[in-house]
mmCIF file of all heavy atoms, coordinates in Angstrom:
data_MODEL
# 
_entry.id   MODEL 
# 
loop_
_atom_site.group_PDB 
_atom_site.id 
_atom_site.type_symbol 
_atom_site.label_atom_id 
_atom_site.label_alt_id 
_atom_site.label_comp_id 
_atom_site.label_asym_id 
_atom_site.label_entity_id 
_atom_site.label_seq_id 
_atom_site.pdbx_PDB_ins_code 
_atom_site.Cartn_x 
_atom_site.Cartn_y 
_atom_site.Cartn_z 
_atom_site.occupancy 
_atom_site.B_iso_or_equiv 
_atom_site.pdbx_formal_charge 
_atom_site.auth_seq_id 
_atom_site.auth_comp_id 
_atom_site.auth_asym_id 
_atom_site.auth_atom_id 
_atom_site.pdbx_PDB_model_num 
ATOM 1   N N   . MET A 1 1  ? 97.571  94.769  97.515  1.00 0.00 ? 1  MET A N   1 
ATOM 2   C CA  . MET A 1 1  ? 98.921  94.631  96.938  1.00 0.00 ? 1  MET A CA  1 
ATOM 3   C C   . MET A 1 1  ? 99.777  95.842  97.258  1.00 0.00 ? 1  MET A C   1 
ATOM 4   O O   . MET A 1 1  ? 100.971 95.721  97.497  1.00 0.00 ? 1  MET A O   1 
ATOM 5   C CB  . MET A 1 1  ? 98.836  94.430  95.437  1.00 0.00 ? 1  MET A CB  1 
ATOM 6   C CG  . MET A 1 1  ? 98.329  93.076  94.979  1.00 0.00 ? 1  MET A CG  1 
ATOM 7   S SD  . MET A 1 1  ? 99.317  91.694  95.605  1.00 0.00 ? 1  MET A SD  1 
ATOM 8   C CE  . MET A 1 1  ? 100.913 92.068  94.879  1.00 0.00 ? 1  MET A CE  1 
ATOM 9   N N   . GLU A 1 2  ? 99.150  97.032  97.296  1.00 0.00 ? 2  GLU A N   1 
ATOM 10  C CA  . GLU A 1 2  ? 99.921  98.228  97.656  1.00 0.00 ? 2  GLU A CA  1 
ATOM 11  C C   . GLU A 1 2  ? 100.443 98.121  99.112  1.00 0.00 ? 2  GLU A C   1 
ATOM 12  O O   . GLU A 1 2  ? 101.539 98.513  99.445  1.00 0.00 ? 2  GLU A O   1 
ATOM 13  C CB  . GLU A 1 2  ? 99.049  99.477  97.504  1.00 0.00 ? 2  GLU A CB  1 
ATOM 14  C CG  . GLU A 1 2  ? 98.819  99.916  96.083  1.00 0.00 ? 2  GLU A CG  1 
ATOM 15  C CD  . GLU A 1 2  ? 97.852  99.033  95.288  1.00 0.00 ? 2  GLU A CD  1 
ATOM 16  O OE1 . GLU A 1 2  ? 97.111  98.226  95.925  1.00 0.00 ? 2  GLU A OE1 1 
ATOM 17  O OE2 . GLU A 1 2  ? 97.794  99.103  94.061  1.00 0.00 ? 2  GLU A OE2 1 
ATOM 18  N N   . TRP A 1 3  ? 99.537  97.593  100.001 1.00 0.00 ? 3  TRP A N   1 
ATOM 19  C CA  . TRP A 1 3  ? 99.926  97.427  101.393 1.00 0.00 ? 3  TRP A CA  1 
ATOM 20  C C   . TRP A 1 3  ? 101.117 96.445  101.507 1.00 0.00 ? 3  TRP A C   1 
ATOM 21  O O   . TRP A 1 3  ? 102.060 96.688  102.243 1.00 0.00 ? 3  TRP A O   1 
ATOM 22  C CB  . TRP A 1 3  ? 98.756  96.901  102.193 1.00 0.00 ? 3  TRP A CB  1 
ATOM 23  C CG  . TRP A 1 3  ? 99.107  96.563  103.610 1.00 0.00 ? 3  TRP A CG  1 
ATOM 24  C CD1 . TRP A 1 3  ? 99.201  97.407  104.681 1.00 0.00 ? 3  TRP A CD1 1 
ATOM 25  C CD2 . TRP A 1 3  ? 99.462  95.241  104.100 1.00 0.00 ? 3  TRP A CD2 1 
ATOM 26  N NE1 . TRP A 1 3  ? 99.559  96.718  105.788 1.00 0.00 ? 3  TRP A NE1 1 
ATOM 27  C CE2 . TRP A 1 3  ? 99.751  95.376  105.481 1.00 0.00 ? 3  TRP A CE2 1 
ATOM 28  C CE3 . TRP A 1 3  ? 99.573  93.997  103.478 1.00 0.00 ? 3  TRP A CE3 1 
ATOM 29  C CZ2 . TRP A 1 3  ? 100.127 94.284  106.277 1.00 0.00 ? 3  TRP A CZ2 1 
ATOM 30  C CZ3 . TRP A 1 3  ? 99.944  92.906  104.273 1.00 0.00 ? 3  TRP A CZ3 1 
ATOM 31  C CH2 . TRP A 1 3  ? 100.225 93.072  105.654 1.00 0.00 ? 3  TRP A CH2 1 
ATOM 32  N N   . LEU A 1 4  ? 101.031 95.331  100.763 1.00 0.00 ? 4  LEU A N   1 
ATOM 33  C CA  . LEU A 1 4  ? 102.118 94.353  100.829 1.00 0.00 ? 4  LEU A CA  1 
ATOM 34  C C   . LEU A 1 4  ? 103.421 94.969  100.276 1.00 0.00 ? 4  LEU A C   1 
ATOM 35  O O   . LEU A 1 4  ? 104.500 94.792  100.879 1.00 0.00 ? 4  LEU A O   1 
ATOM 36  C CB  . LEU A 1 4  ? 101.745 93.131  99.992  1.00 0.00 ? 4  LEU A CB  1 
ATOM 37  C CG  . LEU A 1 4  ? 102.798 92.027  99.851  1.00 0.00 ? 4  LEU A CG  1 
ATOM 38  C CD1 . LEU A 1 4  ? 103.142 91.462  101.233 1.00 0.00 ? 4  LEU A CD1 1 
ATOM 39  C CD2 . LEU A 1 4  ? 102.307 90.931  98.929  1.00 0.00 ? 4  LEU A CD2 1 
ATOM 40  N N   . TRP A 1 5  ? 103.331 95.688  99.184  1.00 0.00 ? 5  TRP A N   1 
ATOM 41  C CA  . TRP A 1 5  ? 104.510 96.298  98.574  1.00 0.00 ? 5  TRP A CA  1 
ATOM 42  C C   . TRP A 1 5  ? 105.141 97.302  99.520  1.00 0.00 ? 5  TRP A C   1 
ATOM 43  O O   . TRP A 1 5  ? 106.365 97.316  99.700  1.00 0.00 ? 5  TRP A O   1 
ATOM 44  C CB  . TRP A 1 5  ? 104.091 96.959  97.251  1.00 0.00 ? 5  TRP A CB  1 
ATOM 45  C CG  . TRP A 1 5  ? 105.249 97.377  96.369  1.00 0.00 ? 5  TRP A CG  1 
ATOM 46  C CD1 . TRP A 1 5  ? 106.527 96.993  96.457  1.00 0.00 ? 5  TRP A CD1 1 
ATOM 47  C CD2 . TRP A 1 5  ? 105.168 98.263  95.254  1.00 0.00 ? 5  TRP A CD2 1 
ATOM 48  N NE1 . TRP A 1 5  ? 107.283 97.578  95.445  1.00 0.00 ? 5  TRP A NE1 1 
ATOM 49  C CE2 . TRP A 1 5  ? 106.451 98.385  94.703  1.00 0.00 ? 5  TRP A CE2 1 
ATOM 50  C CE3 . TRP A 1 5  ? 104.111 98.980  94.677  1.00 0.00 ? 5  TRP A CE3 1 
ATOM 51  C CZ2 . TRP A 1 5  ? 106.747 99.150  93.581  1.00 0.00 ? 5  TRP A CZ2 1 
ATOM 52  C CZ3 . TRP A 1 5  ? 104.382 99.768  93.530  1.00 0.00 ? 5  TRP A CZ3 1 
ATOM 53  C CH2 . TRP A 1 5  ? 105.689 99.845  93.005  1.00 0.00 ? 5  TRP A CH2 1 
ATOM 54  N N   . ARG A 1 6  ? 104.347 98.141  100.155 1.00 0.00 ? 6  ARG A N   1 
ATOM 55  C CA  . ARG A 1 6  ? 104.878 99.140  101.073 1.00 0.00 ? 6  ARG A CA  1 
ATOM 56  C C   . ARG A 1 6  ? 105.479 98.463  102.322 1.00 0.00 ? 6  ARG A C   1 
ATOM 57  O O   . ARG A 1 6  ? 106.536 98.842  102.809 1.00 0.00 ? 6  ARG A O   1 
ATOM 58  C CB  . ARG A 1 6  ? 103.753 100.102 101.511 1.00 0.00 ? 6  ARG A CB  1 
ATOM 59  C CG  . ARG A 1 6  ? 103.433 101.114 100.425 1.00 0.00 ? 6  ARG A CG  1 
ATOM 60  C CD  . ARG A 1 6  ? 102.106 101.793 100.697 1.00 0.00 ? 6  ARG A CD  1 
ATOM 61  N NE  . ARG A 1 6  ? 101.901 102.925 99.854  1.00 0.00 ? 6  ARG A NE  1 
ATOM 62  C CZ  . ARG A 1 6  ? 101.539 102.916 98.576  1.00 0.00 ? 6  ARG A CZ  1 
ATOM 63  N NH1 . ARG A 1 6  ? 101.385 101.753 97.989  1.00 0.00 ? 6  ARG A NH1 1 
ATOM 64  N NH2 . ARG A 1 6  ? 101.396 104.031 97.866  1.00 0.00 ? 6  ARG A NH2 1 
ATOM 65  N N   . SER A 1 7  ? 104.803 97.458  102.849 1.00 0.00 ? 7  SER A N   1 
ATOM 66  C CA  . SER A 1 7  ? 105.311 96.764  104.022 1.00 0.00 ? 7  SER A CA  1 
ATOM 67  C C   . SER A 1 7  ? 106.654 96.098  103.745 1.00 0.00 ? 7  SER A C   1 
ATOM 68  O O   . SER A 1 7  ? 107.586 96.139  104.587 1.00 0.00 ? 7  SER A O   1 
ATOM 69  C CB  . SER A 1 7  ? 104.306 95.698  104.491 1.00 0.00 ? 7  SER A CB  1 
ATOM 70  O OG  . SER A 1 7  ? 103.112 96.316  104.928 1.00 0.00 ? 7  SER A OG  1 
ATOM 71  N N   . LEU A 1 8  ? 106.806 95.513  102.583 1.00 0.00 ? 8  LEU A N   1 
ATOM 72  C CA  . LEU A 1 8  ? 108.059 94.896  102.176 1.00 0.00 ? 8  LEU A CA  1 
ATOM 73  C C   . LEU A 1 8  ? 109.147 95.943  101.939 1.00 0.00 ? 8  LEU A C   1 
ATOM 74  O O   . LEU A 1 8  ? 110.298 95.754  102.288 1.00 0.00 ? 8  LEU A O   1 
ATOM 75  C CB  . LEU A 1 8  ? 107.869 94.006  100.956 1.00 0.00 ? 8  LEU A CB  1 
ATOM 76  C CG  . LEU A 1 8  ? 107.064 92.734  101.147 1.00 0.00 ? 8  LEU A CG  1 
ATOM 77  C CD1 . LEU A 1 8  ? 106.747 92.075  99.803  1.00 0.00 ? 8  LEU A CD1 1 
ATOM 78  C CD2 . LEU A 1 8  ? 107.802 91.741  102.036 1.00 0.00 ? 8  LEU A CD2 1 
ATOM 79  N N   . THR A 1 9  ? 108.749 97.048  101.298 1.00 0.00 ? 9  THR A N   1 
ATOM 80  C CA  . THR A 1 9  ? 109.709 98.143  101.011 1.00 0.00 ? 9  THR A CA  1 
ATOM 81  C C   . THR A 1 9  ? 110.288 98.713  102.294 1.00 0.00 ? 9  THR A C   1 
ATOM 82  O O   . THR A 1 9  ? 111.509 98.905  102.431 1.00 0.00 ? 9  THR A O   1 
ATOM 83  C CB  . THR A 1 9  ? 109.025 99.249  100.174 1.00 0.00 ? 9  THR A CB  1 
ATOM 84  O OG1 . THR A 1 9  ? 108.636 98.696  98.908  1.00 0.00 ? 9  THR A OG1 1 
ATOM 85  C CG2 . THR A 1 9  ? 110.016 100.386 99.948  1.00 0.00 ? 9  THR A CG2 1 
ATOM 86  N N   . TYR A 1 10 ? 109.420 99.029  103.232 1.00 0.00 ? 10 TYR A N   1 
ATOM 87  C CA  . TYR A 1 10 ? 109.868 99.677  104.504 1.00 0.00 ? 10 TYR A CA  1 
ATOM 88  C C   . TYR A 1 10 ? 110.214 98.626  105.562 1.00 0.00 ? 10 TYR A C   1 
ATOM 89  O O   . TYR A 1 10 ? 110.650 98.995  106.650 1.00 0.00 ? 10 TYR A O   1 
ATOM 90  C CB  . TYR A 1 10 ? 108.800 100.625 105.010 1.00 0.00 ? 10 TYR A CB  1 
ATOM 91  C CG  . TYR A 1 10 ? 108.541 101.771 104.038 1.00 0.00 ? 10 TYR A CG  1 
ATOM 92  C CD1 . TYR A 1 10 ? 107.472 101.697 103.139 1.00 0.00 ? 10 TYR A CD1 1 
ATOM 93  C CD2 . TYR A 1 10 ? 109.392 102.866 103.967 1.00 0.00 ? 10 TYR A CD2 1 
ATOM 94  C CE1 . TYR A 1 10 ? 107.224 102.718 102.218 1.00 0.00 ? 10 TYR A CE1 1 
ATOM 95  C CE2 . TYR A 1 10 ? 109.152 103.905 103.056 1.00 0.00 ? 10 TYR A CE2 1 
ATOM 96  C CZ  . TYR A 1 10 ? 108.084 103.793 102.180 1.00 0.00 ? 10 TYR A CZ  1 
ATOM 97  O OH  . TYR A 1 10 ? 107.864 104.793 101.286 1.00 0.00 ? 10 TYR A OH  1 
ATOM 98  N N   . TRP A 1 11 ? 110.017 97.348  105.175 1.00 0.00 ? 11 TRP A N   1 
ATOM 99  C CA  . TRP A 1 11 ? 110.332 96.227  106.087 1.00 0.00 ? 11 TRP A CA  1 
ATOM 100 C C   . TRP A 1 11 ? 109.639 96.413  107.435 1.00 0.00 ? 11 TRP A C   1 
ATOM 101 O O   . TRP A 1 11 ? 110.184 96.168  108.485 1.00 0.00 ? 11 TRP A O   1 
ATOM 102 C CB  . TRP A 1 11 ? 111.839 96.076  106.259 1.00 0.00 ? 11 TRP A CB  1 
ATOM 103 C CG  . TRP A 1 11 ? 112.244 94.644  106.489 1.00 0.00 ? 11 TRP A CG  1 
ATOM 104 C CD1 . TRP A 1 11 ? 112.908 94.150  107.559 1.00 0.00 ? 11 TRP A CD1 1 
ATOM 105 C CD2 . TRP A 1 11 ? 111.995 93.547  105.624 1.00 0.00 ? 11 TRP A CD2 1 
ATOM 106 N NE1 . TRP A 1 11 ? 113.073 92.798  107.427 1.00 0.00 ? 11 TRP A NE1 1 
ATOM 107 C CE2 . TRP A 1 11 ? 112.539 92.384  106.226 1.00 0.00 ? 11 TRP A CE2 1 
ATOM 108 C CE3 . TRP A 1 11 ? 111.350 93.370  104.382 1.00 0.00 ? 11 TRP A CE3 1 
ATOM 109 C CZ2 . TRP A 1 11 ? 112.481 91.113  105.639 1.00 0.00 ? 11 TRP A CZ2 1 
ATOM 110 C CZ3 . TRP A 1 11 ? 111.277 92.130  103.799 1.00 0.00 ? 11 TRP A CZ3 1 
ATOM 111 C CH2 . TRP A 1 11 ? 111.837 91.018  104.442 1.00 0.00 ? 11 TRP A CH2 1 
ATOM 112 N N   . LYS A 1 12 ? 108.384 96.851  107.349 1.00 0.00 ? 12 LYS A N   1 
ATOM 113 C CA  . LYS A 1 12 ? 107.565 97.061  108.542 1.00 0.00 ? 12 LYS A CA  1 
ATOM 114 C C   . LYS A 1 12 ? 106.116 97.031  108.134 1.00 0.00 ? 12 LYS A C   1 
ATOM 115 O O   . LYS A 1 12 ? 105.713 97.634  107.139 1.00 0.00 ? 12 LYS A O   1 
ATOM 116 C CB  . LYS A 1 12 ? 107.910 98.413  109.164 1.00 0.00 ? 12 LYS A CB  1 
ATOM 117 C CG  . LYS A 1 12 ? 107.081 98.768  110.400 1.00 0.00 ? 12 LYS A CG  1 
ATOM 118 C CD  . LYS A 1 12 ? 107.426 100.144 110.913 1.00 0.00 ? 12 LYS A CD  1 
ATOM 119 C CE  . LYS A 1 12 ? 106.602 100.537 112.122 1.00 0.00 ? 12 LYS A CE  1 
ATOM 120 N NZ  . LYS A 1 12 ? 106.855 101.886 112.598 1.00 0.00 ? 12 LYS A NZ  1 
ATOM 121 N N   . LEU A 1 13 ? 105.284 96.305  108.879 1.00 0.00 ? 13 LEU A N   1 
ATOM 122 C CA  . LEU A 1 13 ? 103.879 96.281  108.563 1.00 0.00 ? 13 LEU A CA  1 
ATOM 123 C C   . LEU A 1 13 ? 103.284 97.665  108.636 1.00 0.00 ? 13 LEU A C   1 
ATOM 124 O O   . LEU A 1 13 ? 103.410 98.362  109.657 1.00 0.00 ? 13 LEU A O   1 
ATOM 125 C CB  . LEU A 1 13 ? 103.143 95.357  109.552 1.00 0.00 ? 13 LEU A CB  1 
ATOM 126 C CG  . LEU A 1 13 ? 103.443 93.823  109.421 1.00 0.00 ? 13 LEU A CG  1 
ATOM 127 C CD1 . LEU A 1 13 ? 102.658 93.074  110.468 1.00 0.00 ? 13 LEU A CD1 1 
ATOM 128 C CD2 . LEU A 1 13 ? 103.093 93.324  108.025 1.00 0.00 ? 13 LEU A CD2 1 
ATOM 129 N N   . GLN A 1 14 ? 102.633 98.073  107.537 1.00 0.00 ? 14 GLN A N   1 
ATOM 130 C CA  . GLN A 1 14 ? 102.025 99.393  107.498 1.00 0.00 ? 14 GLN A CA  1 
ATOM 131 C C   . GLN A 1 14 ? 100.608 99.340  108.049 1.00 0.00 ? 14 GLN A C   1 
ATOM 132 O O   . GLN A 1 14 ? 99.907  98.316  107.913 1.00 0.00 ? 14 GLN A O   1 
ATOM 133 C CB  . GLN A 1 14 ? 102.012 99.882  106.039 1.00 0.00 ? 14 GLN A CB  1 
ATOM 134 C CG  . GLN A 1 14 ? 103.371 100.009 105.413 1.00 0.00 ? 14 GLN A CG  1 
ATOM 135 C CD  . GLN A 1 14 ? 104.231 101.056 106.102 1.00 0.00 ? 14 GLN A CD  1 
ATOM 136 O OE1 . GLN A 1 14 ? 103.781 102.174 106.336 1.00 0.00 ? 14 GLN A OE1 1 
ATOM 137 N NE2 . GLN A 1 14 ? 105.453 100.701 106.433 1.00 0.00 ? 14 GLN A NE2 1 
ATOM 138 N N   . PRO A 1 15 ? 100.149 100.408 108.673 1.00 0.00 ? 15 PRO A N   1 
ATOM 139 C CA  . PRO A 1 15 ? 98.744  100.412 109.113 1.00 0.00 ? 15 PRO A CA  1 
ATOM 140 C C   . PRO A 1 15 ? 97.810  100.341 107.910 1.00 0.00 ? 15 PRO A C   1 
ATOM 141 O O   . PRO A 1 15 ? 97.990  101.037 106.913 1.00 0.00 ? 15 PRO A O   1 
ATOM 142 C CB  . PRO A 1 15 ? 98.633  101.781 109.826 1.00 0.00 ? 15 PRO A CB  1 
ATOM 143 C CG  . PRO A 1 15 ? 99.753  102.602 109.242 1.00 0.00 ? 15 PRO A CG  1 
ATOM 144 C CD  . PRO A 1 15 ? 100.868 101.648 108.951 1.00 0.00 ? 15 PRO A CD  1 
ATOM 145 N N   . MET A 1 16 ? 96.855  99.445  108.006 1.00 0.00 ? 16 MET A N   1 
ATOM 146 C CA  . MET A 1 16 ? 95.979  99.179  106.868 1.00 0.00 ? 16 MET A CA  1 
ATOM 147 C C   . MET A 1 16 ? 94.648  99.937  106.934 1.00 0.00 ? 16 MET A C   1 
ATOM 148 O O   . MET A 1 16 ? 94.256  100.596 106.011 1.00 0.00 ? 16 MET A O   1 
ATOM 149 C CB  . MET A 1 16 ? 95.714  97.690  106.757 1.00 0.00 ? 16 MET A CB  1 
ATOM 150 C CG  . MET A 1 16 ? 94.898  97.274  105.548 1.00 0.00 ? 16 MET A CG  1 
ATOM 151 S SD  . MET A 1 16 ? 95.747  97.566  103.983 1.00 0.00 ? 16 MET A SD  1 
ATOM 152 C CE  . MET A 1 16 ? 94.836  96.473  102.903 1.00 0.00 ? 16 MET A CE  1 
ATOM 153 N N   . ARG A 1 17 ? 94.004  99.853  108.063 1.00 0.00 ? 17 ARG A N   1 
ATOM 154 C CA  . ARG A 1 17 ? 92.675  100.444 108.185 1.00 0.00 ? 17 ARG A CA  1 
ATOM 155 C C   . ARG A 1 17 ? 92.772  101.973 108.247 1.00 0.00 ? 17 ARG A C   1 
ATOM 156 O O   . ARG A 1 17 ? 93.727  102.507 108.797 1.00 0.00 ? 17 ARG A O   1 
ATOM 157 C CB  . ARG A 1 17 ? 91.924  99.899  109.403 1.00 0.00 ? 17 ARG A CB  1 
ATOM 158 C CG  . ARG A 1 17 ? 91.585  98.411  109.294 1.00 0.00 ? 17 ARG A CG  1 
ATOM 159 C CD  . ARG A 1 17 ? 90.554  98.035  110.329 1.00 0.00 ? 17 ARG A CD  1 
ATOM 160 N NE  . ARG A 1 17 ? 89.269  98.674  110.129 1.00 0.00 ? 17 ARG A NE  1 
ATOM 161 C CZ  . ARG A 1 17 ? 88.333  98.241  109.314 1.00 0.00 ? 17 ARG A CZ  1 
ATOM 162 N NH1 . ARG A 1 17 ? 88.533  97.135  108.600 1.00 0.00 ? 17 ARG A NH1 1 
ATOM 163 N NH2 . ARG A 1 17 ? 87.201  98.917  109.185 1.00 0.00 ? 17 ARG A NH2 1 
ATOM 164 N N   . ARG A 1 18 ? 91.777  102.599 107.747 1.00 0.00 ? 18 ARG A N   1 
ATOM 165 C CA  . ARG A 1 18 ? 91.689  104.081 107.759 1.00 0.00 ? 18 ARG A CA  1 
ATOM 166 C C   . ARG A 1 18 ? 91.056  104.470 109.117 1.00 0.00 ? 18 ARG A C   1 
ATOM 167 O O   . ARG A 1 18 ? 89.886  104.152 109.374 1.00 0.00 ? 18 ARG A O   1 
ATOM 168 C CB  . ARG A 1 18 ? 90.870  104.585 106.614 1.00 0.00 ? 18 ARG A CB  1 
ATOM 169 C CG  . ARG A 1 18 ? 90.891  106.082 106.458 1.00 0.00 ? 18 ARG A CG  1 
ATOM 170 C CD  . ARG A 1 18 ? 90.158  106.482 105.206 1.00 0.00 ? 18 ARG A CD  1 
ATOM 171 N NE  . ARG A 1 18 ? 90.838  105.980 104.028 1.00 0.00 ? 18 ARG A NE  1 
ATOM 172 C CZ  . ARG A 1 18 ? 91.917  106.566 103.492 1.00 0.00 ? 18 ARG A CZ  1 
ATOM 173 N NH1 . ARG A 1 18 ? 92.404  107.662 104.021 1.00 0.00 ? 18 ARG A NH1 1 
ATOM 174 N NH2 . ARG A 1 18 ? 92.505  106.053 102.402 1.00 0.00 ? 18 ARG A NH2 1 
ATOM 175 N N   . ALA A 1 19 ? 91.810  105.168 109.922 1.00 0.00 ? 19 ALA A N   1 
ATOM 176 C CA  . ALA A 1 19 ? 91.373  105.474 111.311 1.00 0.00 ? 19 ALA A CA  1 
ATOM 177 C C   . ALA A 1 19 ? 90.071  106.262 111.329 1.00 0.00 ? 19 ALA A C   1 
ATOM 178 O O   . ALA A 1 19 ? 89.166  105.962 112.100 1.00 0.00 ? 19 ALA A O   1 
ATOM 179 C CB  . ALA A 1 19 ? 92.446  106.224 112.059 1.00 0.00 ? 19 ALA A CB  1 
ATOM 180 N N   . ASP A 1 20 ? 89.975  107.260 110.436 1.00 0.00 ? 20 ASP A N   1 
ATOM 181 C CA  . ASP A 1 20 ? 88.793  108.121 110.456 1.00 0.00 ? 20 ASP A CA  1 
ATOM 182 C C   . ASP A 1 20 ? 87.653  107.614 109.601 1.00 0.00 ? 20 ASP A C   1 
ATOM 183 O O   . ASP A 1 20 ? 86.563  108.184 109.556 1.00 0.00 ? 20 ASP A O   1 
ATOM 184 C CB  . ASP A 1 20 ? 89.146  109.536 110.070 1.00 0.00 ? 20 ASP A CB  1 
ATOM 185 C CG  . ASP A 1 20 ? 89.771  109.592 108.650 1.00 0.00 ? 20 ASP A CG  1 
ATOM 186 O OD1 . ASP A 1 20 ? 89.810  108.521 107.986 1.00 0.00 ? 20 ASP A OD1 1 
ATOM 187 O OD2 . ASP A 1 20 ? 90.177  110.690 108.246 1.00 0.00 ? 20 ASP A OD2 1 
ATOM 188 N N   . LYS A 1 21 ? 87.900  106.537 108.861 1.00 0.00 ? 21 LYS A N   1 
ATOM 189 C CA  . LYS A 1 21 ? 86.899  105.909 107.974 1.00 0.00 ? 21 LYS A CA  1 
ATOM 190 C C   . LYS A 1 21 ? 86.379  106.886 106.916 1.00 0.00 ? 21 LYS A C   1 
ATOM 191 O O   . LYS A 1 21 ? 85.313  106.718 106.368 1.00 0.00 ? 21 LYS A O   1 
ATOM 192 C CB  . LYS A 1 21 ? 85.700  105.372 108.781 1.00 0.00 ? 21 LYS A CB  1 
ATOM 193 C CG  . LYS A 1 21 ? 86.084  104.340 109.792 1.00 0.00 ? 21 LYS A CG  1 
ATOM 194 C CD  . LYS A 1 21 ? 86.463  103.018 109.114 1.00 0.00 ? 21 LYS A CD  1 
ATOM 195 C CE  . LYS A 1 21 ? 86.755  101.930 110.129 1.00 0.00 ? 21 LYS A CE  1 
ATOM 196 N NZ  . LYS A 1 21 ? 85.554  101.484 110.846 1.00 0.00 ? 21 LYS A NZ  1 
ATOM 197 N N   . ALA A 1 22 ? 87.160  107.959 106.675 1.00 0.00 ? 22 ALA A N   1 
ATOM 198 C CA  . ALA A 1 22 ? 86.696  108.959 105.709 1.00 0.00 ? 22 ALA A CA  1 
ATOM 199 C C   . ALA A 1 22 ? 87.100  108.586 104.329 1.00 0.00 ? 22 ALA A C   1 
ATOM 200 O O   . ALA A 1 22 ? 88.115  107.949 104.102 1.00 0.00 ? 22 ALA A O   1 
ATOM 201 C CB  . ALA A 1 22 ? 87.308  110.325 106.075 1.00 0.00 ? 22 ALA A CB  1 
ATOM 202 N N   . THR A 1 23 ? 86.298  108.983 103.384 1.00 0.00 ? 23 THR A N   1 
ATOM 203 C CA  . THR A 1 23 ? 86.636  108.739 101.974 1.00 0.00 ? 23 THR A CA  1 
ATOM 204 C C   . THR A 1 23 ? 87.853  109.552 101.599 1.00 0.00 ? 23 THR A C   1 
ATOM 205 O O   . THR A 1 23 ? 87.909  110.749 101.913 1.00 0.00 ? 23 THR A O   1 
ATOM 206 C CB  . THR A 1 23 ? 85.450  109.138 101.079 1.00 0.00 ? 23 THR A CB  1 
ATOM 207 O OG1 . THR A 1 23 ? 84.310  108.437 101.511 1.00 0.00 ? 23 THR A OG1 1 
ATOM 208 C CG2 . THR A 1 23 ? 85.770  108.841 99.628  1.00 0.00 ? 23 THR A CG2 1 
ATOM 209 N N   . PRO A 1 24 ? 88.841  108.975 100.946 1.00 0.00 ? 24 PRO A N   1 
ATOM 210 C CA  . PRO A 1 24 ? 90.067  109.691 100.593 1.00 0.00 ? 24 PRO A CA  1 
ATOM 211 C C   . PRO A 1 24 ? 89.744  110.895 99.727  1.00 0.00 ? 24 PRO A C   1 
ATOM 212 O O   . PRO A 1 24 ? 88.901  110.814 98.850  1.00 0.00 ? 24 PRO A O   1 
ATOM 213 C CB  . PRO A 1 24 ? 90.907  108.677 99.862  1.00 0.00 ? 24 PRO A CB  1 
ATOM 214 C CG  . PRO A 1 24 ? 89.945  107.620 99.399  1.00 0.00 ? 24 PRO A CG  1 
ATOM 215 C CD  . PRO A 1 24 ? 88.888  107.588 100.446 1.00 0.00 ? 24 PRO A CD  1 
ATOM 216 N N   . SER A 1 25 ? 90.437  111.968 99.993  1.00 0.00 ? 25 SER A N   1 
ATOM 217 C CA  . SER A 1 25 ? 90.180  113.175 99.217  1.00 0.00 ? 25 SER A CA  1 
ATOM 218 C C   . SER A 1 25 ? 90.552  113.000 97.786  1.00 0.00 ? 25 SER A C   1 
ATOM 219 O O   . SER A 1 25 ? 91.547  112.403 97.431  1.00 0.00 ? 25 SER A O   1 
ATOM 220 C CB  . SER A 1 25 ? 91.022  114.322 99.800  1.00 0.00 ? 25 SER A CB  1 
ATOM 221 O OG  . SER A 1 25 ? 90.964  115.452 98.957  1.00 0.00 ? 25 SER A OG  1 
ATOM 222 N N   . THR A 1 26 ? 89.682  113.527 96.858  1.00 0.00 ? 26 THR A N   1 
ATOM 223 C CA  . THR A 1 26 ? 90.003  113.452 95.467  1.00 0.00 ? 26 THR A CA  1 
ATOM 224 C C   . THR A 1 26 ? 90.114  114.851 94.884  1.00 0.00 ? 26 THR A C   1 
ATOM 225 O O   . THR A 1 26 ? 90.002  115.096 93.709  1.00 0.00 ? 26 THR A O   1 
ATOM 226 C CB  . THR A 1 26 ? 88.903  112.695 94.696  1.00 0.00 ? 26 THR A CB  1 
ATOM 227 O OG1 . THR A 1 26 ? 87.639  113.280 95.001  1.00 0.00 ? 26 THR A OG1 1 
ATOM 228 C CG2 . THR A 1 26 ? 88.890  111.222 95.075  1.00 0.00 ? 26 THR A CG2 1 
ATOM 229 N N   . SER A 1 27 ? 90.359  115.844 95.777  1.00 0.00 ? 27 SER A N   1 
ATOM 230 C CA  . SER A 1 27 ? 90.573  117.205 95.307  1.00 0.00 ? 27 SER A CA  1 
ATOM 231 C C   . SER A 1 27 ? 91.945  117.292 94.660  1.00 0.00 ? 27 SER A C   1 
ATOM 232 O O   . SER A 1 27 ? 92.837  116.501 94.916  1.00 0.00 ? 27 SER A O   1 
ATOM 233 C CB  . SER A 1 27 ? 90.480  118.155 96.502  1.00 0.00 ? 27 SER A CB  1 
ATOM 234 O OG  . SER A 1 27 ? 91.481  117.834 97.443  1.00 0.00 ? 27 SER A OG  1 
ATOM 235 N N   . GLN A 1 28 ? 92.104  118.268 93.798  1.00 0.00 ? 28 GLN A N   1 
ATOM 236 C CA  . GLN A 1 28 ? 93.362  118.425 93.110  1.00 0.00 ? 28 GLN A CA  1 
ATOM 237 C C   . GLN A 1 28 ? 94.409  118.958 94.061  1.00 0.00 ? 28 GLN A C   1 
ATOM 238 O O   . GLN A 1 28 ? 94.162  119.865 94.867  1.00 0.00 ? 28 GLN A O   1 
ATOM 239 C CB  . GLN A 1 28 ? 93.164  119.400 91.930  1.00 0.00 ? 28 GLN A CB  1 
ATOM 240 C CG  . GLN A 1 28 ? 92.155  118.844 90.885  1.00 0.00 ? 28 GLN A CG  1 
ATOM 241 C CD  . GLN A 1 28 ? 91.790  119.850 89.878  1.00 0.00 ? 28 GLN A CD  1 
ATOM 242 O OE1 . GLN A 1 28 ? 92.683  120.596 89.432  1.00 0.00 ? 28 GLN A OE1 1 
ATOM 243 N NE2 . GLN A 1 28 ? 90.549  119.935 89.455  1.00 0.00 ? 28 GLN A NE2 1 
ATOM 244 N N   . VAL A 1 29 ? 95.576  118.372 93.971  1.00 0.00 ? 29 VAL A N   1 
ATOM 245 C CA  . VAL A 1 29 ? 96.700  118.773 94.843  1.00 0.00 ? 29 VAL A CA  1 
ATOM 246 C C   . VAL A 1 29 ? 97.821  119.287 93.991  1.00 0.00 ? 29 VAL A C   1 
ATOM 247 O O   . VAL A 1 29 ? 98.172  118.702 92.978  1.00 0.00 ? 29 VAL A O   1 
ATOM 248 C CB  . VAL A 1 29 ? 97.185  117.528 95.669  1.00 0.00 ? 29 VAL A CB  1 
ATOM 249 C CG1 . VAL A 1 29 ? 98.294  117.958 96.592  1.00 0.00 ? 29 VAL A CG1 1 
ATOM 250 C CG2 . VAL A 1 29 ? 96.030  116.955 96.446  1.00 0.00 ? 29 VAL A CG2 1 
# 
């Protein structure tokens, strides 16, 4: 749903797959 929302917002299909297949960082930012 986030992908669909972003694609509609920017009116452009967003890249879906994670290129590096790495687990997203959960460190504090």
